């Protein structure tokens, strides 16, 4: 049976890659035809960033649609194939079920649609306060609302309030589980969103994170959740084919927001939230650089970094964009491996 799930994981990850590659020209033509390009606005608040990325203005965003829509389509196709052909090979490829994958898939799609709306506001130069897209505080509020739904699902629907501390044990948090859940989701979504700033950067780091969680899910016997992670990995690989410098299109909030929320949900489903900062170390460093910069400017009236998130700091130092991205990929790969090591060691103790 385990061998079949391994086949299922590898087959569906490959299928996700092929399927996503196949329909990419349709999305690309749509984005360019309707001029849904990201605008690099030079309003004086981010002079270094505007100077470094001025040439990128007009490159289409919303490329994250490739990932989440491919995952949704494949999930629904094999779900209905199982209903139509129960017991068949195609039916057995279904990975959508209530206990493991319904919540992360719902979170993926819901947050993706919100992100898509935000991307549309951005490319049209609209916003709730006259800017391009939603402001940070509005995004955080949306993350929190989506996370609240997930937290209530866990606490009331699944009757789950257990939180695992590696090498220590599991603790029942009671109703405190709800704010902890919300914090994990909001922090992850915010961090992934901040990482999405260079060609291929967020996609590559997400690739290593979801790959690590595919292994974790498999080790815990959550095979359908492992397949879900693998399908995301396959779709991300296809996305990266077109997003590597120079990018054909960008991930956009529809990708960064949805994949960040989903990664956080999976961490909670596997009870490994405290390993997520290690597995997603690059995300943590990116968001911390923004927070530290803002606090320093407010309290000391000085900047610590030339530009934030920190990948722009290295750009400003003279590193080429591909060099920044690839070195961050290396760090992400090492961190994900370290996180997996801690997970496996924790299981043995």
C-alpha atoms as a PDB file:
ATOM      1  CA  UNK A   1       0.000   0.000   0.000  1.00  0.00           C
ATOM      2  CA  UNK A   2       2.846   2.389   0.836  1.00  0.00           C
ATOM      3  CA  UNK A   3       4.390   1.624  -2.550  1.00  0.00           C
ATOM      4  CA  UNK A   4       1.144   2.675  -4.240  1.00  0.00           C
ATOM      5  CA  UNK A   5       1.133   6.008  -2.398  1.00  0.00           C
ATOM      6  CA  UNK A   6       4.726   6.597  -3.501  1.00  0.00           C
ATOM      7  CA  UNK A   7       3.648   5.960  -7.093  1.00  0.00           C
ATOM      8  CA  UNK A   8       0.650   8.237  -6.557  1.00  0.00           C
ATOM      9  CA  UNK A   9       2.852  11.037  -5.227  1.00  0.00           C
ATOM     10  CA  UNK A  10       5.402  10.812  -8.044  1.00  0.00           C
ATOM     11  CA  UNK A  11       2.812  10.340 -10.786  1.00  0.00           C
ATOM     12  CA  UNK A  12       0.578  13.226  -9.727  1.00  0.00           C
ATOM     13  CA  UNK A  13       3.520  15.564  -9.143  1.00  0.00           C
ATOM     14  CA  UNK A  14       4.701  14.829 -12.689  1.00  0.00           C
ATOM     15  CA  UNK A  15       1.178  15.176 -14.056  1.00  0.00           C
ATOM     16  CA  UNK A  16       0.801  18.532 -12.280  1.00  0.00           C
ATOM     17  CA  UNK A  17       4.016  19.743 -13.906  1.00  0.00           C
ATOM     18  CA  UNK A  18       2.950  18.626 -17.413  1.00  0.00           C
ATOM     19  CA  UNK A  19      -0.605  19.930 -17.045  1.00  0.00           C
ATOM     20  CA  UNK A  20       0.560  23.323 -15.739  1.00  0.00           C
ATOM     21  CA  UNK A  21       3.153  23.682 -18.508  1.00  0.00           C
ATOM     22  CA  UNK A  22       0.492  22.775 -21.096  1.00  0.00           C
ATOM     23  CA  UNK A  23      -1.982  25.528 -20.247  1.00  0.00           C
ATOM     24  CA  UNK A  24       0.564  28.240 -19.416  1.00  0.00           C
ATOM     25  CA  UNK A  25       0.378  29.769 -22.950  1.00  0.00           C
ATOM     26  CA  UNK A  26      -3.345  30.397 -22.418  1.00  0.00           C
ATOM     27  CA  UNK A  27      -2.710  32.354 -19.229  1.00  0.00           C
ATOM     28  CA  UNK A  28       0.279  34.184 -20.706  1.00  0.00           C
ATOM     29  CA  UNK A  29      -1.710  35.328 -23.740  1.00  0.00           C
ATOM     30  CA  UNK A  30      -4.567  36.468 -21.498  1.00  0.00           C
ATOM     31  CA  UNK A  31      -2.284  38.465 -19.181  1.00  0.00           C
ATOM     32  CA  UNK A  32      -0.466  40.217 -22.030  1.00  0.00           C
ATOM     33  CA  UNK A  33      -3.621  40.794 -24.084  1.00  0.00           C
ATOM     34  CA  UNK A  34      -5.377  42.529 -21.210  1.00  0.00           C
ATOM     35  CA  UNK A  35      -2.215  44.371 -20.095  1.00  0.00           C
ATOM     36  CA  UNK A  36      -2.316  42.980 -16.560  1.00  0.00           C
ATOM     37  CA  UNK A  37       1.226  44.091 -15.846  1.00  0.00           C
ATOM     38  CA  UNK A  38       2.732  45.077 -12.510  1.00  0.00           C
ATOM     39  CA  UNK A  39       3.430  48.775 -12.168  1.00  0.00           C
ATOM     40  CA  UNK A  40       6.678  49.888 -10.521  1.00  0.00           C
ATOM     41  CA  UNK A  41       5.604  53.195  -9.023  1.00  0.00           C
ATOM     42  CA  UNK A  42       8.269  55.760  -8.155  1.00  0.00           C
ATOM     43  CA  UNK A  43       6.478  57.778  -5.484  1.00  0.00           C
ATOM     44  CA  UNK A  44       9.618  58.532  -3.480  1.00  0.00           C
ATOM     45  CA  UNK A  45       8.921  56.107  -0.629  1.00  0.00           C
ATOM     46  CA  UNK A  46      11.087  53.296  -2.066  1.00  0.00           C
ATOM     47  CA  UNK A  47      13.728  54.992  -4.246  1.00  0.00           C
ATOM     48  CA  UNK A  48      16.241  52.114  -4.276  1.00  0.00           C
ATOM     49  CA  UNK A  49      13.634  49.496  -5.148  1.00  0.00           C
ATOM     50  CA  UNK A  50      12.093  51.707  -7.857  1.00  0.00           C
ATOM     51  CA  UNK A  51      15.503  52.293  -9.450  1.00  0.00           C
ATOM     52  CA  UNK A  52      16.503  48.618  -9.359  1.00  0.00           C
ATOM     53  CA  UNK A  53      13.224  47.359 -10.816  1.00  0.00           C
ATOM     54  CA  UNK A  54      12.119  50.153 -13.136  1.00  0.00           C
ATOM     55  CA  UNK A  55      12.759  47.964 -16.205  1.00  0.00           C
ATOM     56  CA  UNK A  56      10.306  45.350 -14.887  1.00  0.00           C
ATOM     57  CA  UNK A  57       7.305  47.655 -15.013  1.00  0.00           C
ATOM     58  CA  UNK A  58       4.590  46.165 -17.215  1.00  0.00           C
ATOM     59  CA  UNK A  59       5.562  42.515 -16.715  1.00  0.00           C
ATOM     60  CA  UNK A  60       2.324  40.600 -16.054  1.00  0.00           C
ATOM     61  CA  UNK A  61       1.499  39.503 -12.555  1.00  0.00           C
ATOM     62  CA  UNK A  62      -1.131  36.952 -11.386  1.00  0.00           C
ATOM     63  CA  UNK A  63       1.105  34.070 -12.515  1.00  0.00           C
ATOM     64  CA  UNK A  64       0.298  32.293  -9.266  1.00  0.00           C
ATOM     65  CA  UNK A  65      -3.014  31.345 -10.880  1.00  0.00           C
ATOM     66  CA  UNK A  66      -1.018  28.637 -12.640  1.00  0.00           C
ATOM     67  CA  UNK A  67      -0.293  26.898  -9.360  1.00  0.00           C
ATOM     68  CA  UNK A  68      -3.522  27.057  -7.393  1.00  0.00           C
ATOM     69  CA  UNK A  69      -5.855  26.573 -10.363  1.00  0.00           C
ATOM     70  CA  UNK A  70      -3.878  23.538 -11.553  1.00  0.00           C
ATOM     71  CA  UNK A  71      -4.069  22.029  -8.062  1.00  0.00           C
ATOM     72  CA  UNK A  72      -7.813  22.734  -7.866  1.00  0.00           C
ATOM     73  CA  UNK A  73      -8.525  21.252 -11.304  1.00  0.00           C
ATOM     74  CA  UNK A  74      -6.542  18.067 -10.653  1.00  0.00           C
ATOM     75  CA  UNK A  75      -8.152  17.643  -7.220  1.00  0.00           C
ATOM     76  CA  UNK A  76     -11.659  17.943  -8.672  1.00  0.00           C
ATOM     77  CA  UNK A  77     -10.951  15.789 -11.731  1.00  0.00           C
ATOM     78  CA  UNK A  78      -9.708  12.816  -9.714  1.00  0.00           C
ATOM     79  CA  UNK A  79     -12.384  13.313  -7.057  1.00  0.00           C
ATOM     80  CA  UNK A  80     -15.115  12.920  -9.679  1.00  0.00           C
ATOM     81  CA  UNK A  81     -13.245  10.122 -11.433  1.00  0.00           C
ATOM     82  CA  UNK A  82     -13.410   8.150  -8.197  1.00  0.00           C
ATOM     83  CA  UNK A  83     -17.164   8.776  -8.016  1.00  0.00           C
ATOM     84  CA  UNK A  84     -17.652   7.697 -11.642  1.00  0.00           C
ATOM     85  CA  UNK A  85     -15.135   4.824 -11.685  1.00  0.00           C
ATOM     86  CA  UNK A  86     -14.849   3.562  -8.083  1.00  0.00           C
ATOM     87  CA  UNK A  87     -12.085   1.036  -7.575  1.00  0.00           C
ATOM     88  CA  UNK A  88     -10.338   1.913 -10.858  1.00  0.00           C
ATOM     89  CA  UNK A  89      -6.723   3.085 -11.073  1.00  0.00           C
ATOM     90  CA  UNK A  90      -7.857   6.600 -11.978  1.00  0.00           C
ATOM     91  CA  UNK A  91     -10.276   6.619  -9.083  1.00  0.00           C
ATOM     92  CA  UNK A  92      -7.553   5.618  -6.662  1.00  0.00           C
ATOM     93  CA  UNK A  93      -5.576   8.701  -7.673  1.00  0.00           C
ATOM     94  CA  UNK A  94      -8.101  10.887  -5.864  1.00  0.00           C
ATOM     95  CA  UNK A  95      -6.422  12.811  -3.038  1.00  0.00           C
ATOM     96  CA  UNK A  96      -9.297  15.032  -1.936  1.00  0.00           C
ATOM     97  CA  UNK A  97     -10.821  13.967   1.368  1.00  0.00           C
ATOM     98  CA  UNK A  98     -12.421  15.633   4.363  1.00  0.00           C
ATOM     99  CA  UNK A  99      -9.887  14.735   7.024  1.00  0.00           C
ATOM    100  CA  UNK A 100      -6.658  15.741   5.268  1.00  0.00           C
ATOM    101  CA  UNK A 101      -6.961  17.886   2.164  1.00  0.00           C
ATOM    102  CA  UNK A 102     -10.353  19.629   2.125  1.00  0.00           C
ATOM    103  CA  UNK A 103      -9.302  22.393   4.519  1.00  0.00           C
ATOM    104  CA  UNK A 104      -5.919  23.212   2.889  1.00  0.00           C
ATOM    105  CA  UNK A 105      -7.503  23.159  -0.569  1.00  0.00           C
ATOM    106  CA  UNK A 106     -10.289  25.461   0.627  1.00  0.00           C
ATOM    107  CA  UNK A 107      -7.746  27.797   2.225  1.00  0.00           C
ATOM    108  CA  UNK A 108      -5.666  27.750  -0.970  1.00  0.00           C
ATOM    109  CA  UNK A 109      -8.561  28.730  -3.218  1.00  0.00           C
ATOM    110  CA  UNK A 110     -10.168  31.257  -0.844  1.00  0.00           C
ATOM    111  CA  UNK A 111      -6.938  33.166  -0.221  1.00  0.00           C
ATOM    112  CA  UNK A 112      -6.008  32.920  -3.915  1.00  0.00           C
ATOM    113  CA  UNK A 113      -9.227  34.675  -4.919  1.00  0.00           C
ATOM    114  CA  UNK A 114      -8.569  37.456  -2.403  1.00  0.00           C
ATOM    115  CA  UNK A 115      -5.020  37.764  -3.719  1.00  0.00           C
ATOM    116  CA  UNK A 116      -6.321  37.861  -7.281  1.00  0.00           C
ATOM    117  CA  UNK A 117      -8.522  40.821  -6.362  1.00  0.00           C
ATOM    118  CA  UNK A 118      -5.528  42.541  -4.764  1.00  0.00           C
ATOM    119  CA  UNK A 119      -3.443  41.945  -7.909  1.00  0.00           C
ATOM    120  CA  UNK A 120      -6.192  43.441 -10.048  1.00  0.00           C
ATOM    121  CA  UNK A 121      -6.285  46.571  -7.886  1.00  0.00           C
ATOM    122  CA  UNK A 122      -2.517  46.828  -8.188  1.00  0.00           C
ATOM    123  CA  UNK A 123      -2.272  46.568 -11.975  1.00  0.00           C
ATOM    124  CA  UNK A 124      -5.120  49.064 -12.388  1.00  0.00           C
ATOM    125  CA  UNK A 125      -3.506  51.489  -9.950  1.00  0.00           C
ATOM    126  CA  UNK A 126      -6.464  51.309  -7.601  1.00  0.00           C
ATOM    127  CA  UNK A 127      -6.573  50.722  -3.889  1.00  0.00           C
ATOM    128  CA  UNK A 128      -8.642  51.162  -0.789  1.00  0.00           C
ATOM    129  CA  UNK A 129      -6.767  54.367  -0.013  1.00  0.00           C
ATOM    130  CA  UNK A 130      -5.888  55.421  -3.539  1.00  0.00           C
ATOM    131  CA  UNK A 131      -2.713  53.359  -3.929  1.00  0.00           C
ATOM    132  CA  UNK A 132      -2.046  50.202  -5.860  1.00  0.00           C
ATOM    133  CA  UNK A 133      -3.661  47.209  -4.216  1.00  0.00           C
ATOM    134  CA  UNK A 134      -4.422  46.542  -0.577  1.00  0.00           C
ATOM    135  CA  UNK A 135      -2.373  48.070   2.224  1.00  0.00           C
ATOM    136  CA  UNK A 136      -0.364  45.868   4.576  1.00  0.00           C
ATOM    137  CA  UNK A 137      -2.828  46.255   7.444  1.00  0.00           C
ATOM    138  CA  UNK A 138      -5.717  45.231   5.203  1.00  0.00           C
ATOM    139  CA  UNK A 139      -3.792  42.179   4.001  1.00  0.00           C
ATOM    140  CA  UNK A 140      -3.024  41.188   7.584  1.00  0.00           C
ATOM    141  CA  UNK A 141      -6.714  41.525   8.439  1.00  0.00           C
ATOM    142  CA  UNK A 142      -7.652  39.267   5.513  1.00  0.00           C
ATOM    143  CA  UNK A 143      -5.018  36.721   6.525  1.00  0.00           C
ATOM    144  CA  UNK A 144      -6.439  36.786  10.059  1.00  0.00           C
ATOM    145  CA  UNK A 145     -10.018  36.251   8.880  1.00  0.00           C
ATOM    146  CA  UNK A 146      -9.026  33.276   6.726  1.00  0.00           C
ATOM    147  CA  UNK A 147      -6.948  31.907   9.598  1.00  0.00           C
ATOM    148  CA  UNK A 148      -9.880  32.349  11.987  1.00  0.00           C
ATOM    149  CA  UNK A 149     -12.041  30.107   9.809  1.00  0.00           C
ATOM    150  CA  UNK A 150      -9.311  27.463   9.856  1.00  0.00           C
ATOM    151  CA  UNK A 151      -8.813  27.804  13.609  1.00  0.00           C
ATOM    152  CA  UNK A 152     -12.522  27.373  14.294  1.00  0.00           C
ATOM    153  CA  UNK A 153     -12.583  24.360  11.952  1.00  0.00           C
ATOM    154  CA  UNK A 154      -9.751  22.729  13.905  1.00  0.00           C
ATOM    155  CA  UNK A 155     -11.081  23.583  17.352  1.00  0.00           C
ATOM    156  CA  UNK A 156     -14.796  22.885  16.923  1.00  0.00           C
ATOM    157  CA  UNK A 157     -15.071  20.634  13.868  1.00  0.00           C
ATOM    158  CA  UNK A 158     -12.009  18.455  14.430  1.00  0.00           C
ATOM    159  CA  UNK A 159     -12.008  18.919  18.229  1.00  0.00           C
ATOM    160  CA  UNK A 160      -8.273  19.607  18.031  1.00  0.00           C
ATOM    161  CA  UNK A 161      -6.298  21.819  20.399  1.00  0.00           C
ATOM    162  CA  UNK A 162      -3.009  19.937  20.680  1.00  0.00           C
ATOM    163  CA  UNK A 163       0.249  21.757  19.992  1.00  0.00           C
ATOM    164  CA  UNK A 164       3.513  19.848  19.668  1.00  0.00           C
ATOM    165  CA  UNK A 165       6.835  21.175  20.931  1.00  0.00           C
ATOM    166  CA  UNK A 166       9.740  19.239  19.355  1.00  0.00           C
ATOM    167  CA  UNK A 167      11.773  17.148  21.825  1.00  0.00           C
ATOM    168  CA  UNK A 168       9.413  18.154  24.662  1.00  0.00           C
ATOM    169  CA  UNK A 169       5.956  16.801  23.905  1.00  0.00           C
ATOM    170  CA  UNK A 170       2.400  17.776  23.000  1.00  0.00           C
ATOM    171  CA  UNK A 171       0.217  20.126  25.038  1.00  0.00           C
ATOM    172  CA  UNK A 172      -3.516  20.796  25.004  1.00  0.00           C
ATOM    173  CA  UNK A 173      -3.900  24.554  24.630  1.00  0.00           C
ATOM    174  CA  UNK A 174      -7.676  24.750  24.985  1.00  0.00           C
ATOM    175  CA  UNK A 175      -9.119  27.883  23.420  1.00  0.00           C
ATOM    176  CA  UNK A 176      -5.591  29.361  23.231  1.00  0.00           C
ATOM    177  CA  UNK A 177      -5.158  27.120  20.207  1.00  0.00           C
ATOM    178  CA  UNK A 178      -7.263  29.577  18.179  1.00  0.00           C
ATOM    179  CA  UNK A 179      -4.960  32.640  18.530  1.00  0.00           C
ATOM    180  CA  UNK A 180      -1.882  30.413  18.104  1.00  0.00           C
ATOM    181  CA  UNK A 181      -3.339  29.028  14.862  1.00  0.00           C
ATOM    182  CA  UNK A 182      -4.144  32.539  13.620  1.00  0.00           C
ATOM    183  CA  UNK A 183      -0.621  33.764  14.420  1.00  0.00           C
ATOM    184  CA  UNK A 184       1.019  30.876  12.528  1.00  0.00           C
ATOM    185  CA  UNK A 185      -1.109  31.435   9.417  1.00  0.00           C
ATOM    186  CA  UNK A 186      -0.771  35.233   9.408  1.00  0.00           C
ATOM    187  CA  UNK A 187       2.985  35.111  10.024  1.00  0.00           C
ATOM    188  CA  UNK A 188       3.529  32.541   7.263  1.00  0.00           C
ATOM    189  CA  UNK A 189       1.345  34.352   4.720  1.00  0.00           C
ATOM    190  CA  UNK A 190       3.016  37.697   5.476  1.00  0.00           C
ATOM    191  CA  UNK A 191       6.497  36.197   5.233  1.00  0.00           C
ATOM    192  CA  UNK A 192       5.853  34.464   1.897  1.00  0.00           C
ATOM    193  CA  UNK A 193       4.347  37.664   0.513  1.00  0.00           C
ATOM    194  CA  UNK A 194       7.443  39.640   1.507  1.00  0.00           C
ATOM    195  CA  UNK A 195       9.699  37.050  -0.166  1.00  0.00           C
ATOM    196  CA  UNK A 196       7.926  37.440  -3.508  1.00  0.00           C
ATOM    197  CA  UNK A 197      10.094  40.205  -4.933  1.00  0.00           C
ATOM    198  CA  UNK A 198      12.679  38.716  -7.317  1.00  0.00           C
ATOM    199  CA  UNK A 199      12.321  36.433 -10.330  1.00  0.00           C
ATOM    200  CA  UNK A 200      11.993  32.867  -9.065  1.00  0.00           C
ATOM    201  CA  UNK A 201      12.722  33.673  -5.418  1.00  0.00           C
ATOM    202  CA  UNK A 202       9.396  32.901  -3.704  1.00  0.00           C
ATOM    203  CA  UNK A 203       8.657  30.023  -6.072  1.00  0.00           C
ATOM    204  CA  UNK A 204      11.963  28.299  -5.376  1.00  0.00           C
ATOM    205  CA  UNK A 205      11.772  28.703  -1.601  1.00  0.00           C
ATOM    206  CA  UNK A 206       8.153  27.498  -1.575  1.00  0.00           C
ATOM    207  CA  UNK A 207       9.261  24.510  -3.641  1.00  0.00           C
ATOM    208  CA  UNK A 208      11.717  23.358  -0.955  1.00  0.00           C
ATOM    209  CA  UNK A 209       9.198  24.021   1.839  1.00  0.00           C
ATOM    210  CA  UNK A 210       6.349  22.052   0.255  1.00  0.00           C
ATOM    211  CA  UNK A 211       8.779  19.257  -0.682  1.00  0.00           C
ATOM    212  CA  UNK A 212       9.849  19.017   2.949  1.00  0.00           C
ATOM    213  CA  UNK A 213       6.232  18.902   4.068  1.00  0.00           C
ATOM    214  CA  UNK A 214       5.448  16.191   1.534  1.00  0.00           C
ATOM    215  CA  UNK A 215       8.057  14.054   3.309  1.00  0.00           C
ATOM    216  CA  UNK A 216       6.685  14.995   6.741  1.00  0.00           C
ATOM    217  CA  UNK A 217       3.108  14.166   5.727  1.00  0.00           C
ATOM    218  CA  UNK A 218       4.208  10.829   4.282  1.00  0.00           C
ATOM    219  CA  UNK A 219       6.137   9.988   7.452  1.00  0.00           C
ATOM    220  CA  UNK A 220       3.032  10.713   9.537  1.00  0.00           C
ATOM    221  CA  UNK A 221       0.840   8.489   7.364  1.00  0.00           C
ATOM    222  CA  UNK A 222      -1.082  11.478   5.968  1.00  0.00           C
ATOM    223  CA  UNK A 223      -0.682  10.155   2.450  1.00  0.00           C
ATOM    224  CA  UNK A 224      -3.308  12.276   0.701  1.00  0.00           C
ATOM    225  CA  UNK A 225      -1.863  15.406   2.273  1.00  0.00           C
ATOM    226  CA  UNK A 226       1.559  14.297   1.017  1.00  0.00           C
ATOM    227  CA  UNK A 227       0.070  13.952  -2.472  1.00  0.00           C
ATOM    228  CA  UNK A 228      -1.476  17.422  -2.130  1.00  0.00           C
ATOM    229  CA  UNK A 229       1.955  18.880  -1.298  1.00  0.00           C
ATOM    230  CA  UNK A 230       3.509  16.973  -4.217  1.00  0.00           C
ATOM    231  CA  UNK A 231       0.925  18.331  -6.666  1.00  0.00           C
ATOM    232  CA  UNK A 232       1.752  21.861  -5.484  1.00  0.00           C
ATOM    233  CA  UNK A 233       5.458  21.072  -5.994  1.00  0.00           C
ATOM    234  CA  UNK A 234       4.793  19.877  -9.557  1.00  0.00           C
ATOM    235  CA  UNK A 235       2.792  22.999 -10.374  1.00  0.00           C
ATOM    236  CA  UNK A 236       5.463  25.208  -8.778  1.00  0.00           C
ATOM    237  CA  UNK A 237       8.150  23.601 -10.945  1.00  0.00           C
ATOM    238  CA  UNK A 238       6.139  24.486 -14.041  1.00  0.00           C
ATOM    239  CA  UNK A 239       5.627  28.025 -12.746  1.00  0.00           C
ATOM    240  CA  UNK A 240       9.374  28.391 -12.147  1.00  0.00           C
ATOM    241  CA  UNK A 241      10.071  27.353 -15.732  1.00  0.00           C
ATOM    242  CA  UNK A 242       8.562  30.686 -16.789  1.00  0.00           C
ATOM    243  CA  UNK A 243       9.376  32.722 -13.684  1.00  0.00           C
ATOM    244  CA  UNK A 244      13.159  32.278 -13.677  1.00  0.00           C
ATOM    245  CA  UNK A 245      15.019  35.482 -14.600  1.00  0.00           C
ATOM    246  CA  UNK A 246      13.986  37.181 -16.804  1.00  0.00           C
ATOM    247  CA  UNK A 247      10.469  36.335 -15.652  1.00  0.00           C
ATOM    248  CA  UNK A 248       7.696  35.909 -18.195  1.00  0.00           C
ATOM    249  CA  UNK A 249       5.284  36.822 -15.415  1.00  0.00           C
ATOM    250  CA  UNK A 250       5.260  37.203 -11.635  1.00  0.00           C
ATOM    251  CA  UNK A 251       3.569  35.126  -8.950  1.00  0.00           C
ATOM    252  CA  UNK A 252       1.540  38.009  -7.572  1.00  0.00           C
ATOM    253  CA  UNK A 253      -0.511  38.026  -4.384  1.00  0.00           C
ATOM    254  CA  UNK A 254      -2.826  35.378  -5.800  1.00  0.00           C
ATOM    255  CA  UNK A 255       0.089  32.964  -5.570  1.00  0.00           C
ATOM    256  CA  UNK A 256       2.086  34.267  -2.600  1.00  0.00           C
ATOM    257  CA  UNK A 257      -0.930  34.821  -0.363  1.00  0.00           C
ATOM    258  CA  UNK A 258      -2.580  31.490  -1.136  1.00  0.00           C
ATOM    259  CA  UNK A 259       0.573  29.377  -0.904  1.00  0.00           C
ATOM    260  CA  UNK A 260       1.647  31.107   2.309  1.00  0.00           C
ATOM    261  CA  UNK A 261      -1.714  30.479   3.966  1.00  0.00           C
ATOM    262  CA  UNK A 262      -1.735  26.870   2.735  1.00  0.00           C
ATOM    263  CA  UNK A 263       1.799  26.215   4.001  1.00  0.00           C
ATOM    264  CA  UNK A 264       0.771  27.444   7.440  1.00  0.00           C
ATOM    265  CA  UNK A 265      -2.368  25.277   7.434  1.00  0.00           C
ATOM    266  CA  UNK A 266      -0.326  22.190   6.523  1.00  0.00           C
ATOM    267  CA  UNK A 267       2.123  22.958   9.339  1.00  0.00           C
ATOM    268  CA  UNK A 268      -0.811  22.991  11.762  1.00  0.00           C
ATOM    269  CA  UNK A 269      -2.349  19.843  10.266  1.00  0.00           C
ATOM    270  CA  UNK A 270       0.927  18.000  10.822  1.00  0.00           C
ATOM    271  CA  UNK A 271       1.437  19.617  14.254  1.00  0.00           C
ATOM    272  CA  UNK A 272       4.877  20.858  13.210  1.00  0.00           C
ATOM    273  CA  UNK A 273       4.353  24.629  13.448  1.00  0.00           C
ATOM    274  CA  UNK A 274       7.537  25.109  15.467  1.00  0.00           C
ATOM    275  CA  UNK A 275       9.571  23.429  12.724  1.00  0.00           C
ATOM    276  CA  UNK A 276       8.134  25.732  10.048  1.00  0.00           C
ATOM    277  CA  UNK A 277      10.479  28.654  10.934  1.00  0.00           C
ATOM    278  CA  UNK A 278      13.416  26.305  10.290  1.00  0.00           C
ATOM    279  CA  UNK A 279      12.031  24.737   7.108  1.00  0.00           C
ATOM    280  CA  UNK A 280      11.020  28.186   5.855  1.00  0.00           C
ATOM    281  CA  UNK A 281      14.029  30.036   7.279  1.00  0.00           C
ATOM    282  CA  UNK A 282      14.285  32.353   4.263  1.00  0.00           C
ATOM    283  CA  UNK A 283      10.686  33.477   4.808  1.00  0.00           C
ATOM    284  CA  UNK A 284      11.475  34.279   8.449  1.00  0.00           C
ATOM    285  CA  UNK A 285      14.574  36.302   7.560  1.00  0.00           C
ATOM    286  CA  UNK A 286      12.692  38.215   4.857  1.00  0.00           C
ATOM    287  CA  UNK A 287       9.823  39.250   7.141  1.00  0.00           C
ATOM    288  CA  UNK A 288      12.119  40.022  10.086  1.00  0.00           C
ATOM    289  CA  UNK A 289      14.173  42.355   7.882  1.00  0.00           C
ATOM    290  CA  UNK A 290      11.027  44.341   7.092  1.00  0.00           C
ATOM    291  CA  UNK A 291       9.908  44.488  10.733  1.00  0.00           C
ATOM    292  CA  UNK A 292      13.378  45.470  11.992  1.00  0.00           C
ATOM    293  CA  UNK A 293      13.700  48.154   9.317  1.00  0.00           C
ATOM    294  CA  UNK A 294      10.333  49.673  10.180  1.00  0.00           C
ATOM    295  CA  UNK A 295      11.052  49.674  13.918  1.00  0.00           C
ATOM    296  CA  UNK A 296      14.475  51.232  13.369  1.00  0.00           C
ATOM    297  CA  UNK A 297      13.054  53.985  11.169  1.00  0.00           C
ATOM    298  CA  UNK A 298      10.336  54.717  13.693  1.00  0.00           C
ATOM    299  CA  UNK A 299      12.447  54.597  16.870  1.00  0.00           C
ATOM    300  CA  UNK A 300      15.920  55.629  15.639  1.00  0.00           C
ATOM    301  CA  UNK A 301      14.952  57.471  12.449  1.00  0.00           C
ATOM    302  CA  UNK A 302      17.648  55.448  10.693  1.00  0.00           C
ATOM    303  CA  UNK A 303      17.664  52.532   8.289  1.00  0.00           C
ATOM    304  CA  UNK A 304      19.572  49.332   9.028  1.00  0.00           C
ATOM    305  CA  UNK A 305      19.263  47.868   5.527  1.00  0.00           C
ATOM    306  CA  UNK A 306      19.668  49.748   2.268  1.00  0.00           C
ATOM    307  CA  UNK A 307      16.280  48.393   1.203  1.00  0.00           C
ATOM    308  CA  UNK A 308      13.852  45.753   2.445  1.00  0.00           C
ATOM    309  CA  UNK A 309      12.897  42.953   2.262  1.00  0.00           C
ATOM    310  CA  UNK A 310      16.496  41.827   2.638  1.00  0.00           C
ATOM    311  CA  UNK A 311      16.832  40.474  -0.926  1.00  0.00           C
ATOM    312  CA  UNK A 312      16.647  44.089  -2.121  1.00  0.00           C
ATOM    313  CA  UNK A 313      19.445  44.989   0.305  1.00  0.00           C
ATOM    314  CA  UNK A 314      21.757  42.530  -1.429  1.00  0.00           C
ATOM    315  CA  UNK A 315      20.669  43.884  -4.812  1.00  0.00           C
ATOM    316  CA  UNK A 316      21.542  47.379  -3.634  1.00  0.00           C
ATOM    317  CA  UNK A 317      24.984  46.089  -2.586  1.00  0.00           C
ATOM    318  CA  UNK A 318      25.597  45.112  -6.197  1.00  0.00           C
ATOM    319  CA  UNK A 319      24.630  41.432  -6.278  1.00  0.00           C
ATOM    320  CA  UNK A 320      22.942  40.423  -9.505  1.00  0.00           C
ATOM    321  CA  UNK A 321      19.336  39.269  -9.205  1.00  0.00           C
ATOM    322  CA  UNK A 322      20.086  35.640 -10.235  1.00  0.00           C
ATOM    323  CA  UNK A 323      22.915  35.492  -7.678  1.00  0.00           C
ATOM    324  CA  UNK A 324      20.620  36.655  -4.857  1.00  0.00           C
ATOM    325  CA  UNK A 325      17.910  34.188  -5.868  1.00  0.00           C
ATOM    326  CA  UNK A 326      20.170  31.171  -6.251  1.00  0.00           C
ATOM    327  CA  UNK A 327      21.986  31.793  -2.971  1.00  0.00           C
ATOM    328  CA  UNK A 328      18.650  32.127  -1.201  1.00  0.00           C
ATOM    329  CA  UNK A 329      17.580  28.843  -2.839  1.00  0.00           C
ATOM    330  CA  UNK A 330      20.703  27.182  -1.418  1.00  0.00           C
ATOM    331  CA  UNK A 331      19.914  28.504   2.062  1.00  0.00           C
ATOM    332  CA  UNK A 332      16.295  27.359   1.694  1.00  0.00           C
ATOM    333  CA  UNK A 333      17.396  23.864   0.696  1.00  0.00           C
ATOM    334  CA  UNK A 334      19.801  23.538   3.630  1.00  0.00           C
ATOM    335  CA  UNK A 335      17.194  24.904   6.070  1.00  0.00           C
ATOM    336  CA  UNK A 336      14.492  22.525   4.792  1.00  0.00           C
ATOM    337  CA  UNK A 337      16.900  19.594   5.176  1.00  0.00           C
ATOM    338  CA  UNK A 338      17.740  20.693   8.714  1.00  0.00           C
ATOM    339  CA  UNK A 339      14.062  21.020   9.575  1.00  0.00           C
ATOM    340  CA  UNK A 340      13.388  17.524   8.239  1.00  0.00           C
ATOM    341  CA  UNK A 341      16.300  16.188  10.314  1.00  0.00           C
ATOM    342  CA  UNK A 342      14.810  17.698  13.463  1.00  0.00           C
ATOM    343  CA  UNK A 343      11.400  16.238  12.586  1.00  0.00           C
ATOM    344  CA  UNK A 344      12.767  12.720  12.103  1.00  0.00           C
ATOM    345  CA  UNK A 345      14.960  12.948  15.203  1.00  0.00           C
ATOM    346  CA  UNK A 346      11.966  14.114  17.236  1.00  0.00           C
ATOM    347  CA  UNK A 347      10.007  11.063  16.044  1.00  0.00           C
ATOM    348  CA  UNK A 348      12.789   8.731  17.189  1.00  0.00           C
ATOM    349  CA  UNK A 349      13.078  10.178  20.684  1.00  0.00           C
END
